Every structure is written in structure tokens, then in C-alpha cells.
Amino acid sequence: MTKQEAPAISGEESLRITHERGWTGGHNPWTVALVVTMATFMEVLDTAIANVSLPHIAGSLSASIDESTWVLTSYLVSNAVVLPISGWLATRIGRKRFYLTCVVLFTVSSLLCGLAPNLGLLVFFRVLQGLGGGGLAPSEQAILADTFPPQKRGMAFAVYGMAVVMAPAIGPTLGGFITDHYSWRWVFFINVPVGIASLLLSSRVLVDPPHLVEAKKRVGPIDSIGLGLIAVGLGALEYVLDKGQEEDWFNSHTIVIFSAIAAVSLVSFVLWEWRQEHPVVEVRLFKNGTFAVSSLMMLVLGMALYGSTVLLPQYLQVWMGYSAQDAGMVLSPGGVTVILLLPIVGRLISKVDSRYLIAFGFLILSAALFHMAHTLYPGIDFRTAVLIRMYQSCGLAFLFVPINTLVYSGVPPQKNNQVSGIVNLARNMGGDIGISLVTTLIARRSQFHQARLVDHVVPSSDLSARLSAMAQHLQQLGVGAAQATKMAYGQLYGQVTRQAQTLAYLDALLLLSVFTAIMVPAVLLTRKARAGAAAMGH
């Protein structure tokens, strides 16, 4: 098929070509894959590096740290709202047009974020940036699913996986370097040239398949009720996950109200959409057991990926004195591990049942998290920290591509847009749940462990000798006797606090290990994804 022949092909014929050979619009499929990956990598990377810059943003704009977290929350809320409806939007206005609109919106809003003179405008521009960024990953995944036939999707999703899995790994390092050596504004400015390049290249190589053009004519009226329910529901849920621990969860009236709004809106949305002829989100896809379980596995993968990505650097910075850049360097070799393994996994997909690869990946990831829970301690060296992250990365590499391949199994090609929106929402919401779970567990369990440890700090000759040695050492340094005794007790309390925090981190790791272990037998609930098995459907 040449570029000239592509527009003349009928919708039914393009559906057959998409299923058997993949729709390329006359371009090299790998050119299409690399071009659409640019923008997704830019979006995921920006999310990761913005986290590191919050203290610098707060100081520069005369805001508190708590106020500056709205820079993240605003983006996550608008991003979460767009993700599930991206498939509907792509079908309604045309996938290429929707994708290019997202690239333009993300690029322009990135420039405006960098120029923002105050926190209010920065938060507003981040909302716009989230609306643009939310449509990039689902659009790319749907484009790849159409560009490559089922038996070749493994390698294509490996390229996509490099962007989505590697970006969070190198983001903290890059963000730390930029904020330490330049200005936080460059965290947003670096998106502009990448966005312009992506826009120019994408406009040349992307061609919507004729069956999508025909689907655009049959899309039906706008389901404004469904659109409103999911926007309110996901927006409220995202606020609860992001602000829950900060506001003491259900002891806060605000969190209770937003939780109720999220629950009522999302349940109403599912019930409403189930009966709609032209739904905003194709919730009936969950009747397919393989799709439902694959989406759950992607959610758990997001929990483990983002939860552990937050946990390890935080521990290294707070309790071991690492800089943001050094803590990021601990994660970077894990990103390299994923890059090296993903092409191998992409090749294995066409030869080995995806379910075996998923079970192996979750088993490795669970074992790595369990190992980390027995390895992490305040005196851990840099090399050991790098290695435990690399062990986790080995499991991650065997999960992302097979799950993305399995989730399309048995789904008609014309529903690829909807599938990509739902599975990307599952990964992102999993990440938000994982981060919220980890931060809450650390805060609550550290209090529990501290109380238990203090109970065991009882007067004894050994304790008295230790305190006396600390006080004498401080007196030798020129501290008065009374003050030295107080400082000795302070040092002892500091050791108890550090041990309590470490035990809380280990609890969080063990819980993530349990969640990932549960996914190993869950693979049995899915059906084998046969090469070329995607349903044709009309």
C-alpha cells in the first residue's frame, strides 16, 4: 500500500488490512512508532521531573510547600478526566486531529507554565497541560495497535514501554540536574522543542485508517450526562488520592465529601454508560474477562511502579542525606535495565504465551520487592540501592508489553481507541493509588512502630551507659553537661524515629509485594492471546 492508494481504500478493506498487516498509510511502521513515542515520552518525563522541582517552585513563587503541590494535583486531575474519554474524542474528531491537538495544547501550555508569574496562573496552565497530556499516551497506543498486526505488536509496544517505564526512572535525575544547575522554569521549557518536532513529524506520517473515518460519521450524539459524570467522578477521586494523607483522610470533612461525590458519580456513570448506544467509555468491554483481568493487572503494575519509584528516592533523601540528583541516579540503572530487556520481551511475545511472561514478570517483581523489604536499612550503600532497583526493573520489563498485548486480545480493531484509553487510565490510577498507599502507610505505620519501640526502651544499665557515653562525647566537643545530657536523649530519640520510619517503609514494600504476588494466579483467569486473534468485528 502506497501513500497515494491509502485514501481510496474502503472502510471494510482497511479493517481487514489493519487486522492482517497493520495500517501504515504508506509509511514505514517503525517510523510511525518512533514519531508517536516522542510526545508520550515527553509527557511522562515531564510528570516525573516536575515532582522534584516543587520546593524550588514554592520558593520562587513565594508559596508554601503545601500550596505548591497543587502544581501536581491540578495536572493529575485534568489528566485523569481526559484519559478514559480519549478514545471517544479520537473517534469523534478523528484520531490524527485529536493527537495533533493534544501535542499543540501540551506544548503551548508547557511554554506558558515556564512563563507563569504566580502560582495561580501556573496551576491554571498545568490544568491545560494535563488536558493535552492525557490524550497522548492512549492515542499513541491505539496508533501502534493499528499500525502493527497482532503478531508483531510485541516489539511495537516495547518501544512504547521504553517511554512509559523509562521516563519515571530518569525523570528525578534530570529534574534534579535542571533545578540544581538552571531554573525550575526549564522543566517546562524543554518540552517546547520536542513538542514542535513531534507536531511537524506526526502531521506528515500519521494517516487515519478509512474505517476510523467512517466510524467518525457514526459516532452519534454527545453523551453529555456520561461526560459530566466521569469528569466529576475522576476529578474528585484524584483529589482524594492526592490530598487524603495530607488532610488526615476521613477525619477531614472535605475528603469525606469528595469521596462521596467520586463514589456516586462513578457508580452512576457505569450504570448510565452500560445502557447507552453511543457511550463515552465502552464499559461493556469489561464483559470480556481477559480485558477486565488485564486492566486489573495494569492497575497493580502502576501501583508497584510508581509506589516503589516514590519510596526508594524518598528514603534515600530523607534518611540518608542524598541529593535529589543522587537519589535519581539510583533509579537510572533500572531504566537502562528496562531498555535492554524490552526488545527481548518484544521478540518473546510472538513465541511464548503472553500469560507465562506476565506470571514470570509478577513473580520476579514480587520477589524483588520482598527482597528489598529485607535489604533496606539506614546504612545501605549506593551499589546495593542500585541493585535492588535493577531487580525490580527485570520484573517490570516482563510485564508492560505482555499485558498491553493481552488486553487487545479478542477486541475488534475499531475499538482500539477505547481500549487504549481505559488501559492507560488503569495504569495512571494504579500509580496514584500506589503513591497514596505508600505515603499513608509510611505515616501511619511509623507512628505505630515508634510507639512499640518506645515501649521497649526501658531503664537499664546498658541504656544508661549508652546515654552517658553520648553525653561525655558531646562534653569533649565543648557542650555543657546539662545540655549534653539533653542532646544525648535527643540523639536516642532520633535513632528510634529512624528505625520506626525504616520499619514503616518495609511494611509498604511488603504490601506491594503481596499485591504483585496475587497477580500471578490471576493470569489463569485470562485466555491465551493467539497471534492474529484480535476479533475482526464490524
Protein backbone atom coordinates (compact mmCIF):
# COMPACT_ATOMS: atom_id res chain seq x y z
CA MET A 1 0.00 0.00 0.00
CA THR A 2 1.40 3.40 -1.01
CA LYS A 3 0.59 6.84 0.36
CA GLN A 4 -1.44 7.58 -2.78
CA GLU A 5 -3.52 4.38 -2.51
CA ALA A 6 -4.38 4.77 1.18
CA PRO A 7 -7.22 7.36 0.85
CA ALA A 8 -9.02 5.30 -1.82
CA ILE A 9 -9.36 2.13 0.31
CA SER A 10 -12.83 1.33 1.67
CA GLY A 11 -13.55 1.10 5.39
CA GLU A 12 -14.13 -2.67 5.27
CA GLU A 13 -10.91 -3.22 3.35
CA SER A 14 -8.91 -1.01 5.76
CA LEU A 15 -10.31 -3.05 8.67
CA ARG A 16 -9.06 -6.22 7.02
CA ILE A 17 -5.63 -4.67 6.30
CA THR A 18 -5.36 -3.40 9.89
CA HIS A 19 -6.12 -6.88 11.23
CA GLU A 20 -3.81 -8.79 8.88
CA ARG A 21 -0.89 -6.46 8.13
CA GLY A 22 -1.39 -3.29 10.14
CA TRP A 23 -2.39 0.15 8.80
CA THR A 24 0.64 2.31 7.97
CA GLY A 25 -0.82 4.81 5.50
CA GLY A 26 2.08 4.01 3.16
CA HIS A 27 4.81 4.84 5.72
CA ASN A 28 7.35 2.59 7.40
CA PRO A 29 5.64 1.29 10.58
CA TRP A 30 8.76 1.85 12.68
CA THR A 31 8.88 5.49 11.54
CA VAL A 32 5.30 5.87 12.80
CA ALA A 33 6.20 4.13 16.10
CA LEU A 34 9.22 6.32 16.83
CA VAL A 35 7.44 9.56 15.89
CA VAL A 36 4.41 8.99 18.13
CA THR A 37 6.63 7.82 21.02
CA MET A 38 8.35 11.23 21.17
CA ALA A 39 5.36 13.07 22.57
CA THR A 40 4.42 10.33 25.05
CA PHE A 41 7.96 10.20 26.41
CA MET A 42 7.91 13.99 26.75
CA GLU A 43 4.62 13.89 28.69
CA VAL A 44 5.55 11.08 31.11
CA LEU A 45 9.02 12.56 31.68
CA ASP A 46 7.56 15.98 32.45
CA THR A 47 5.32 14.47 35.13
CA ALA A 48 8.32 12.81 36.79
CA ILE A 49 10.68 15.79 36.72
CA ALA A 50 8.04 18.26 37.95
CA ASN A 51 7.86 16.34 41.26
CA VAL A 52 11.49 17.13 42.08
CA SER A 53 11.05 20.83 41.33
CA LEU A 54 8.25 21.57 43.82
CA PRO A 55 10.45 23.10 46.58
CA HIS A 56 12.13 25.38 44.01
CA ILE A 57 8.76 26.39 42.53
CA ALA A 58 7.38 27.16 46.02
CA GLY A 59 10.39 29.34 46.90
CA SER A 60 10.42 31.18 43.56
CA LEU A 61 6.68 31.99 43.61
CA SER A 62 6.50 32.79 47.36
CA ALA A 63 4.20 29.85 48.07
CA SER A 64 4.22 27.19 50.78
CA ILE A 65 5.16 23.58 50.00
CA ASP A 66 1.52 22.55 50.56
CA GLU A 67 0.31 25.20 48.12
CA SER A 68 2.90 24.15 45.53
CA THR A 69 1.51 20.58 45.50
CA TRP A 70 -1.42 21.98 43.51
CA VAL A 71 1.04 22.12 40.62
CA LEU A 72 0.89 18.30 40.65
CA THR A 73 -2.74 17.84 41.73
CA SER A 74 -4.15 20.15 39.03
CA TYR A 75 -2.27 18.23 36.33
CA LEU A 76 -3.30 14.80 37.66
CA VAL A 77 -7.00 15.76 37.89
CA SER A 78 -7.29 17.10 34.33
CA ASN A 79 -5.12 14.23 33.02
CA ALA A 80 -7.35 11.61 34.70
CA VAL A 81 -10.51 13.17 33.25
CA VAL A 82 -9.21 13.05 29.65
CA LEU A 83 -7.70 9.53 29.73
CA PRO A 84 -10.90 7.43 29.66
CA ILE A 85 -12.72 9.64 27.15
CA SER A 86 -9.72 9.96 24.81
CA GLY A 87 -10.97 7.01 22.72
CA TRP A 88 -14.37 8.64 22.26
CA LEU A 89 -12.79 12.01 21.42
CA ALA A 90 -10.38 10.40 18.92
CA THR A 91 -13.28 8.68 17.17
CA ARG A 92 -15.45 11.79 17.22
CA ILE A 93 -12.99 14.33 15.78
CA GLY A 94 -10.55 11.95 14.07
CA ARG A 95 -7.59 10.31 15.77
CA LYS A 96 -4.88 12.23 13.92
CA ARG A 97 -6.58 15.58 14.57
CA PHE A 98 -7.10 14.70 18.25
CA TYR A 99 -3.48 13.59 18.66
CA LEU A 100 -2.08 16.73 17.00
CA THR A 101 -4.42 18.91 19.09
CA CYS A 102 -3.07 17.24 22.24
CA VAL A 103 0.54 17.85 21.14
CA VAL A 104 -0.19 21.54 20.43
CA LEU A 105 -2.06 22.04 23.72
CA PHE A 106 0.66 20.30 25.75
CA THR A 107 3.48 22.24 24.03
CA VAL A 108 1.85 25.68 24.28
CA SER A 109 0.78 25.15 27.90
CA SER A 110 4.34 23.97 28.74
CA LEU A 111 5.65 27.29 27.44
CA LEU A 112 3.03 29.18 29.46
CA CYS A 113 3.90 27.17 32.60
CA GLY A 114 7.53 28.23 32.23
CA LEU A 115 6.49 31.87 31.88
CA ALA A 116 3.91 31.84 34.73
CA PRO A 117 4.47 34.85 37.05
CA ASN A 118 2.50 33.42 40.01
CA LEU A 119 1.18 30.15 41.43
CA GLY A 120 -2.43 30.73 40.37
CA LEU A 121 -1.58 31.04 36.69
CA LEU A 122 0.89 28.15 36.90
CA VAL A 123 -1.86 25.88 38.28
CA PHE A 124 -4.25 27.03 35.52
CA PHE A 125 -1.68 26.31 32.80
CA ARG A 126 -0.99 22.92 34.39
CA VAL A 127 -4.69 22.09 34.03
CA LEU A 128 -4.40 22.86 30.30
CA GLN A 129 -1.19 20.84 30.12
CA GLY A 130 -2.94 17.87 31.77
CA LEU A 131 -5.81 18.06 29.26
CA GLY A 132 -3.29 17.88 26.41
CA GLY A 133 -1.06 15.27 28.03
CA GLY A 134 -3.97 12.96 28.91
CA GLY A 135 -4.68 12.21 25.26
CA LEU A 136 -1.10 11.49 24.15
CA ALA A 137 -0.40 8.01 25.60
CA PRO A 138 -3.80 6.46 24.68
CA SER A 139 -3.60 7.88 21.15
CA GLU A 140 -0.09 6.53 20.67
CA GLN A 141 -1.05 3.09 21.94
CA ALA A 142 -4.10 2.94 19.66
CA ILE A 143 -1.99 4.09 16.69
CA LEU A 144 0.58 1.36 17.40
CA ALA A 145 -2.17 -1.27 17.77
CA ASP A 146 -3.46 -0.32 14.30
CA THR A 147 -0.03 0.14 12.69
CA PHE A 148 1.22 -3.34 13.60
CA PRO A 149 -0.70 -6.64 13.18
CA PRO A 150 -1.34 -8.63 16.42
CA GLN A 151 1.63 -10.96 15.90
CA LYS A 152 4.05 -8.00 15.63
CA ARG A 153 2.65 -5.76 18.36
CA GLY A 154 5.15 -7.04 20.92
CA MET A 155 8.10 -5.09 19.53
CA ALA A 156 5.94 -2.01 18.90
CA PHE A 157 4.71 -1.97 22.50
CA ALA A 158 8.32 -2.49 23.60
CA VAL A 159 9.14 0.91 22.06
CA TYR A 160 6.11 2.41 23.80
CA GLY A 161 7.15 0.69 27.03
CA MET A 162 10.58 2.31 26.90
CA ALA A 163 8.87 5.70 27.00
CA VAL A 164 6.35 4.93 29.75
CA VAL A 165 8.58 2.85 32.05
CA MET A 166 11.92 4.58 31.49
CA ALA A 167 10.70 8.18 31.84
CA PRO A 168 9.75 7.87 35.55
CA ALA A 169 13.17 6.29 36.19
CA ILE A 170 15.29 9.06 34.66
CA GLY A 171 12.88 11.91 35.49
CA PRO A 172 14.09 12.56 39.07
CA THR A 173 17.74 12.64 37.93
CA LEU A 174 17.03 15.04 35.08
CA GLY A 175 14.71 17.15 37.23
CA GLY A 176 17.32 17.37 39.99
CA PHE A 177 20.02 18.39 37.50
CA ILE A 178 17.85 21.08 35.86
CA THR A 179 16.66 22.62 39.13
CA ASP A 180 20.13 22.47 40.72
CA HIS A 181 22.00 24.00 37.77
CA TYR A 182 19.42 26.14 35.95
CA SER A 183 15.86 27.16 36.89
CA TRP A 184 12.65 25.20 37.55
CA ARG A 185 11.16 27.00 34.53
CA TRP A 186 13.36 24.89 32.25
CA VAL A 187 11.50 21.81 33.48
CA PHE A 188 8.66 23.10 31.26
CA PHE A 189 10.67 24.89 28.56
CA ILE A 190 12.44 21.67 27.48
CA ASN A 191 9.08 20.36 26.23
CA VAL A 192 8.74 23.11 23.62
CA PRO A 193 11.34 21.99 21.01
CA VAL A 194 10.34 18.32 21.46
CA GLY A 195 6.67 19.26 21.03
CA ILE A 196 7.36 21.27 17.86
CA ALA A 197 9.40 18.42 16.35
CA SER A 198 6.68 15.92 17.28
CA LEU A 199 3.99 18.11 15.72
CA LEU A 200 5.85 18.52 12.41
CA LEU A 201 6.73 14.84 12.09
CA SER A 202 3.35 13.49 13.23
CA SER A 203 1.47 15.68 10.76
CA ARG A 204 3.50 14.08 7.94
CA VAL A 205 3.44 10.37 8.89
CA LEU A 206 0.04 9.82 10.57
CA VAL A 207 -2.90 8.74 8.42
CA ASP A 208 -6.25 7.70 9.91
CA PRO A 209 -7.50 4.33 8.58
CA PRO A 210 -10.67 4.69 6.43
CA HIS A 211 -12.66 2.54 8.89
CA LEU A 212 -11.95 5.18 11.58
CA VAL A 213 -13.06 7.94 9.19
CA GLU A 214 -16.33 6.05 8.66
CA ALA A 215 -16.69 5.46 12.41
CA LYS A 216 -16.47 9.23 12.89
CA LYS A 217 -19.68 9.59 10.83
CA ARG A 218 -21.50 7.03 13.01
CA VAL A 219 -20.28 8.31 16.38
CA GLY A 220 -23.72 9.52 17.47
CA PRO A 221 -24.71 12.49 19.67
CA ILE A 222 -22.61 13.73 22.58
CA ASP A 223 -23.43 11.86 25.79
CA SER A 224 -23.27 14.97 27.98
CA ILE A 225 -24.54 13.17 31.10
CA GLY A 226 -21.88 10.45 30.86
CA LEU A 227 -19.22 13.05 30.11
CA GLY A 228 -20.20 15.10 33.16
CA LEU A 229 -20.37 12.09 35.50
CA ILE A 230 -16.92 10.76 34.63
CA ALA A 231 -15.32 14.22 34.74
CA VAL A 232 -16.73 14.91 38.22
CA GLY A 233 -16.10 11.35 39.47
CA LEU A 234 -12.48 11.03 38.38
CA GLY A 235 -11.66 14.61 39.32
CA ALA A 236 -13.00 14.05 42.86
CA LEU A 237 -11.25 10.65 43.17
CA GLU A 238 -7.94 12.16 42.06
CA TYR A 239 -8.28 14.91 44.69
CA VAL A 240 -8.98 12.31 47.41
CA LEU A 241 -5.93 10.20 46.45
CA ASP A 242 -3.62 13.21 46.21
CA LYS A 243 -4.74 15.09 49.32
CA GLY A 244 -6.02 12.25 51.54
CA GLN A 245 -2.98 11.73 53.74
CA GLU A 246 -2.23 15.44 53.92
CA GLU A 247 -5.75 16.15 55.27
CA ASP A 248 -5.92 13.04 57.53
CA TRP A 249 -8.23 11.08 55.24
CA PHE A 250 -11.76 10.54 56.56
CA ASN A 251 -11.21 12.75 59.58
CA SER A 252 -11.46 15.61 57.09
CA HIS A 253 -14.93 16.77 56.00
CA THR A 254 -13.50 17.79 52.62
CA ILE A 255 -12.15 14.28 51.93
CA VAL A 256 -15.45 12.67 53.04
CA ILE A 257 -17.43 14.96 50.70
CA PHE A 258 -15.12 14.39 47.73
CA SER A 259 -15.10 10.61 48.38
CA ALA A 260 -18.90 10.55 48.35
CA ILE A 261 -19.01 12.61 45.16
CA ALA A 262 -16.49 10.26 43.49
CA ALA A 263 -18.37 7.09 44.54
CA VAL A 264 -21.82 8.32 43.50
CA SER A 265 -20.58 9.82 40.21
CA LEU A 266 -18.53 6.79 39.11
CA VAL A 267 -21.22 4.20 40.03
CA SER A 268 -23.84 6.32 38.26
CA PHE A 269 -21.52 6.64 35.27
CA VAL A 270 -21.10 2.86 34.88
CA LEU A 271 -24.86 2.24 35.19
CA TRP A 272 -25.63 5.02 32.73
CA GLU A 273 -23.00 4.08 30.14
CA TRP A 274 -23.96 0.38 30.21
CA ARG A 275 -27.32 1.26 28.62
CA GLN A 276 -26.08 3.84 26.10
CA GLU A 277 -25.92 3.04 22.41
CA HIS A 278 -23.08 5.55 21.93
CA PRO A 279 -21.18 5.58 25.27
CA VAL A 280 -18.33 7.95 26.10
CA VAL A 281 -16.41 4.98 27.56
CA GLU A 282 -17.14 1.46 26.31
CA VAL A 283 -17.69 -0.05 29.77
CA ARG A 284 -19.19 -3.18 28.19
CA LEU A 285 -15.63 -4.17 27.25
CA PHE A 286 -15.33 -5.40 30.86
CA LYS A 287 -17.68 -8.28 29.98
CA ASN A 288 -14.58 -9.71 28.27
CA GLY A 289 -12.85 -11.48 31.19
CA THR A 290 -9.39 -11.24 29.61
CA PHE A 291 -9.78 -7.49 29.13
CA ALA A 292 -11.05 -6.99 32.70
CA VAL A 293 -8.23 -9.00 34.32
CA SER A 294 -5.60 -7.39 32.06
CA SER A 295 -6.82 -3.95 33.12
CA LEU A 296 -6.58 -5.01 36.78
CA MET A 297 -3.03 -6.27 36.21
CA MET A 298 -2.10 -2.95 34.60
CA LEU A 299 -3.52 -1.13 37.64
CA VAL A 300 -1.38 -3.27 40.01
CA LEU A 301 1.64 -2.73 37.76
CA GLY A 302 1.07 1.05 38.07
CA MET A 303 0.85 0.70 41.87
CA ALA A 304 4.16 -1.16 42.07
CA LEU A 305 5.97 1.01 39.51
CA TYR A 306 5.04 4.43 40.88
CA GLY A 307 4.80 3.37 44.54
CA SER A 308 8.36 1.99 44.58
CA THR A 309 9.63 4.87 42.42
CA VAL A 310 8.47 7.32 45.12
CA LEU A 311 9.51 5.17 48.09
CA LEU A 312 13.20 4.49 47.38
CA PRO A 313 14.35 8.07 46.48
CA GLN A 314 12.33 9.47 49.38
CA TYR A 315 14.06 7.15 51.85
CA LEU A 316 17.50 7.95 50.43
CA GLN A 317 16.91 11.71 50.58
CA VAL A 318 15.18 11.94 53.98
CA TRP A 319 17.15 9.37 55.98
CA MET A 320 20.47 9.08 54.17
CA GLY A 321 21.03 12.66 53.06
CA TYR A 322 21.14 12.02 49.29
CA SER A 323 20.57 14.99 46.99
CA ALA A 324 17.66 14.81 44.52
CA GLN A 325 20.13 14.17 41.70
CA ASP A 326 21.96 11.39 43.57
CA ALA A 327 18.68 9.72 44.56
CA GLY A 328 17.64 9.88 40.92
CA MET A 329 20.91 8.23 39.93
CA VAL A 330 19.88 5.19 42.00
CA LEU A 331 16.84 4.76 39.73
CA SER A 332 18.56 5.40 36.39
CA PRO A 333 20.32 1.98 36.04
CA GLY A 334 16.88 0.41 36.48
CA GLY A 335 15.71 2.41 33.46
CA VAL A 336 18.69 1.12 31.46
CA THR A 337 17.79 -2.45 32.51
CA VAL A 338 14.25 -1.96 31.15
CA ILE A 339 15.62 -0.60 27.85
CA LEU A 340 17.86 -3.64 27.41
CA LEU A 341 15.16 -6.18 28.29
CA LEU A 342 12.12 -4.75 26.47
CA PRO A 343 13.31 -5.65 22.93
CA ILE A 344 13.95 -9.21 24.13
CA VAL A 345 10.47 -9.39 25.65
CA GLY A 346 9.03 -7.92 22.44
CA ARG A 347 10.55 -10.80 20.47
CA LEU A 348 9.40 -13.41 23.00
CA ILE A 349 5.78 -12.26 22.68
CA SER A 350 5.46 -13.90 19.24
CA LYS A 351 6.96 -17.19 20.51
CA VAL A 352 5.75 -17.56 24.13
CA ASP A 353 2.24 -17.31 25.59
CA SER A 354 1.85 -13.76 27.00
CA ARG A 355 0.33 -15.20 30.17
CA TYR A 356 3.55 -17.08 31.01
CA LEU A 357 5.56 -13.90 30.59
CA ILE A 358 3.13 -11.94 32.79
CA ALA A 359 3.23 -14.61 35.53
CA PHE A 360 7.04 -14.64 35.38
CA GLY A 361 7.18 -10.83 35.50
CA PHE A 362 4.89 -10.52 38.53
CA LEU A 363 6.79 -13.33 40.27
CA ILE A 364 10.13 -11.55 39.74
CA LEU A 365 8.66 -8.17 40.76
CA SER A 366 7.08 -9.61 43.91
CA ALA A 367 10.33 -11.38 44.86
CA ALA A 368 12.33 -8.17 44.19
CA LEU A 369 10.01 -6.11 46.43
CA PHE A 370 10.18 -8.80 49.13
CA HIS A 371 13.98 -8.81 48.85
CA MET A 372 14.04 -5.01 49.11
CA ALA A 373 11.90 -5.23 52.28
CA HIS A 374 14.66 -7.34 53.84
CA THR A 375 17.56 -5.28 52.47
CA LEU A 376 16.64 -1.63 53.06
CA TYR A 377 18.18 -0.09 56.18
CA PRO A 378 19.71 3.31 57.10
CA GLY A 379 23.27 2.17 56.36
CA ILE A 380 22.59 0.81 52.86
CA ASP A 381 25.31 1.66 50.32
CA PHE A 382 24.79 3.17 46.87
CA ARG A 383 25.62 -0.05 44.99
CA THR A 384 23.07 -2.11 46.94
CA ALA A 385 20.37 0.54 46.40
CA VAL A 386 21.04 0.46 42.64
CA LEU A 387 20.93 -3.35 42.53
CA ILE A 388 17.59 -3.69 44.36
CA ARG A 389 16.06 -1.23 41.88
CA MET A 390 17.52 -3.18 38.95
CA TYR A 391 15.96 -6.41 40.29
CA GLN A 392 12.54 -4.71 40.25
CA SER A 393 13.16 -3.45 36.70
CA CYS A 394 13.70 -7.01 35.48
CA GLY A 395 10.14 -7.84 36.55
CA LEU A 396 8.70 -4.62 35.12
CA ALA A 397 10.19 -5.34 31.69
CA PHE A 398 8.35 -8.67 31.53
CA LEU A 399 5.00 -7.09 32.38
CA PHE A 400 4.37 -3.96 30.37
CA VAL A 401 4.50 -5.40 26.84
CA PRO A 402 2.69 -8.72 27.53
CA ILE A 403 -0.16 -7.02 29.43
CA ASN A 404 -0.61 -4.47 26.64
CA THR A 405 -0.65 -7.29 24.10
CA LEU A 406 -3.12 -9.39 26.10
CA VAL A 407 -5.56 -6.54 26.71
CA TYR A 408 -6.25 -6.21 22.95
CA SER A 409 -6.91 -9.95 22.59
CA GLY A 410 -10.41 -10.59 21.25
CA VAL A 411 -11.22 -6.89 20.89
CA PRO A 412 -12.34 -5.59 17.44
CA PRO A 413 -9.80 -3.22 15.79
CA GLN A 414 -12.38 -0.41 15.65
CA LYS A 415 -12.42 -0.40 19.48
CA ASN A 416 -8.64 0.04 19.82
CA ASN A 417 -9.11 3.72 20.72
CA GLN A 418 -11.38 2.79 23.64
CA VAL A 419 -9.07 0.00 24.85
CA SER A 420 -6.02 2.28 24.93
CA GLY A 421 -7.89 4.96 26.89
CA ILE A 422 -9.09 2.50 29.55
CA VAL A 423 -5.78 0.64 29.98
CA ASN A 424 -3.82 3.91 30.28
CA LEU A 425 -6.32 5.13 32.87
CA ALA A 426 -5.78 1.86 34.77
CA ARG A 427 -2.00 2.40 34.80
CA ASN A 428 -2.24 6.04 35.87
CA MET A 429 -4.87 5.41 38.55
CA GLY A 430 -2.77 2.48 39.77
CA GLY A 431 0.16 4.87 40.07
CA ASP A 432 -1.92 7.38 42.04
CA ILE A 433 -3.26 4.64 44.33
CA GLY A 434 0.26 3.25 44.82
CA ILE A 435 1.73 6.64 45.76
CA SER A 436 -1.20 7.41 48.08
CA LEU A 437 -0.95 3.95 49.68
CA VAL A 438 2.81 4.22 50.24
CA THR A 439 2.71 7.73 51.75
CA THR A 440 -0.22 6.82 54.04
CA LEU A 441 1.37 3.56 55.20
CA ILE A 442 4.68 5.26 55.97
CA ALA A 443 2.97 7.99 58.02
CA ARG A 444 0.65 5.64 59.95
CA ARG A 445 2.96 2.66 60.44
CA SER A 446 5.88 4.85 61.55
CA GLN A 447 3.68 6.11 64.43
CA PHE A 448 2.76 2.51 65.28
CA HIS A 449 6.38 1.30 65.21
CA GLN A 450 7.60 4.31 67.16
CA ALA A 451 5.12 3.58 69.96
CA ARG A 452 6.20 -0.08 70.00
CA LEU A 453 9.90 0.80 70.06
CA VAL A 454 9.48 3.38 72.83
CA ASP A 455 7.69 0.72 74.92
CA HIS A 456 10.86 -1.37 74.71
CA VAL A 457 13.20 1.48 75.65
CA VAL A 458 13.24 0.70 79.37
CA PRO A 459 15.70 1.92 82.02
CA SER A 460 18.70 -0.40 82.22
CA SER A 461 22.40 -0.28 82.91
CA ASP A 462 23.09 -0.73 79.19
CA LEU A 463 20.87 2.23 78.25
CA SER A 464 22.38 4.40 80.99
CA ALA A 465 25.90 3.54 79.81
CA ARG A 466 25.00 4.41 76.23
CA LEU A 467 23.47 7.77 77.16
CA SER A 468 26.46 8.51 79.39
CA ALA A 469 28.88 7.76 76.53
CA MET A 470 26.95 10.08 74.19
CA ALA A 471 26.90 12.88 76.79
CA GLN A 472 30.64 12.51 77.51
CA HIS A 473 31.45 12.67 73.81
CA LEU A 474 29.42 15.88 73.48
CA GLN A 475 31.14 17.39 76.53
CA GLN A 476 34.51 16.66 74.92
CA LEU A 477 33.30 18.72 71.97
CA GLY A 478 32.68 21.67 74.31
CA VAL A 479 28.97 21.23 75.15
CA GLY A 480 27.88 21.91 78.75
CA ALA A 481 26.99 18.92 80.96
CA ALA A 482 23.23 19.67 81.22
CA GLN A 483 22.91 20.44 77.51
CA ALA A 484 24.96 17.36 76.60
CA THR A 485 22.54 15.11 78.53
CA LYS A 486 19.56 16.67 76.71
CA MET A 487 21.27 16.23 73.34
CA ALA A 488 22.10 12.59 74.18
CA TYR A 489 18.42 11.90 74.82
CA GLY A 490 17.64 13.73 71.55
CA GLN A 491 20.07 11.50 69.62
CA LEU A 492 18.49 8.41 71.16
CA TYR A 493 15.03 9.64 70.12
CA GLY A 494 16.35 10.31 66.62
CA GLN A 495 17.57 6.71 66.36
CA VAL A 496 14.16 5.42 67.48
CA THR A 497 12.43 7.64 64.89
CA ARG A 498 14.76 6.46 62.12
CA GLN A 499 14.17 2.82 62.99
CA ALA A 500 10.39 3.35 63.14
CA GLN A 501 10.41 5.05 59.73
CA THR A 502 12.53 2.25 58.25
CA LEU A 503 10.10 -0.39 59.55
CA ALA A 504 7.21 1.59 58.02
CA TYR A 505 8.98 1.65 54.63
CA LEU A 506 9.48 -2.13 54.89
CA ASP A 507 5.75 -2.58 55.62
CA ALA A 508 4.90 -0.63 52.45
CA LEU A 509 7.27 -2.77 50.38
CA LEU A 510 5.82 -6.00 51.79
CA LEU A 511 2.28 -4.87 50.93
CA LEU A 512 3.30 -4.07 47.33
CA SER A 513 4.97 -7.48 47.21
CA VAL A 514 1.71 -9.16 48.28
CA PHE A 515 -0.36 -7.28 45.67
CA THR A 516 2.00 -8.26 42.86
CA ALA A 517 2.14 -11.89 44.07
CA ILE A 518 -1.68 -12.12 43.88
CA MET A 519 -1.49 -11.27 40.16
CA VAL A 520 0.49 -14.47 39.42
CA PRO A 521 -2.52 -16.84 39.81
CA ALA A 522 -4.84 -14.14 38.35
CA VAL A 523 -3.22 -14.86 34.97
CA LEU A 524 -5.19 -18.14 34.93
CA LEU A 525 -8.41 -16.10 34.57
CA THR A 526 -7.34 -14.85 31.12
CA ARG A 527 -7.40 -16.57 27.75
CA LYS A 528 -4.39 -17.22 25.59
CA ALA A 529 -3.66 -14.37 23.16
CA ARG A 530 -3.14 -16.15 19.85
CA ALA A 531 -1.18 -14.41 17.11
CA GLY A 532 -3.66 -12.74 14.82
CA ALA A 533 -6.50 -13.45 17.19
CA ALA A 534 -7.90 -9.96 17.50
CA ALA A 535 -11.51 -10.10 16.52
CA MET A 536 -12.44 -8.51 13.25
CA GLY A 537 -15.90 -7.26 14.26
CA HIS A 538 -17.91 -4.69 12.33
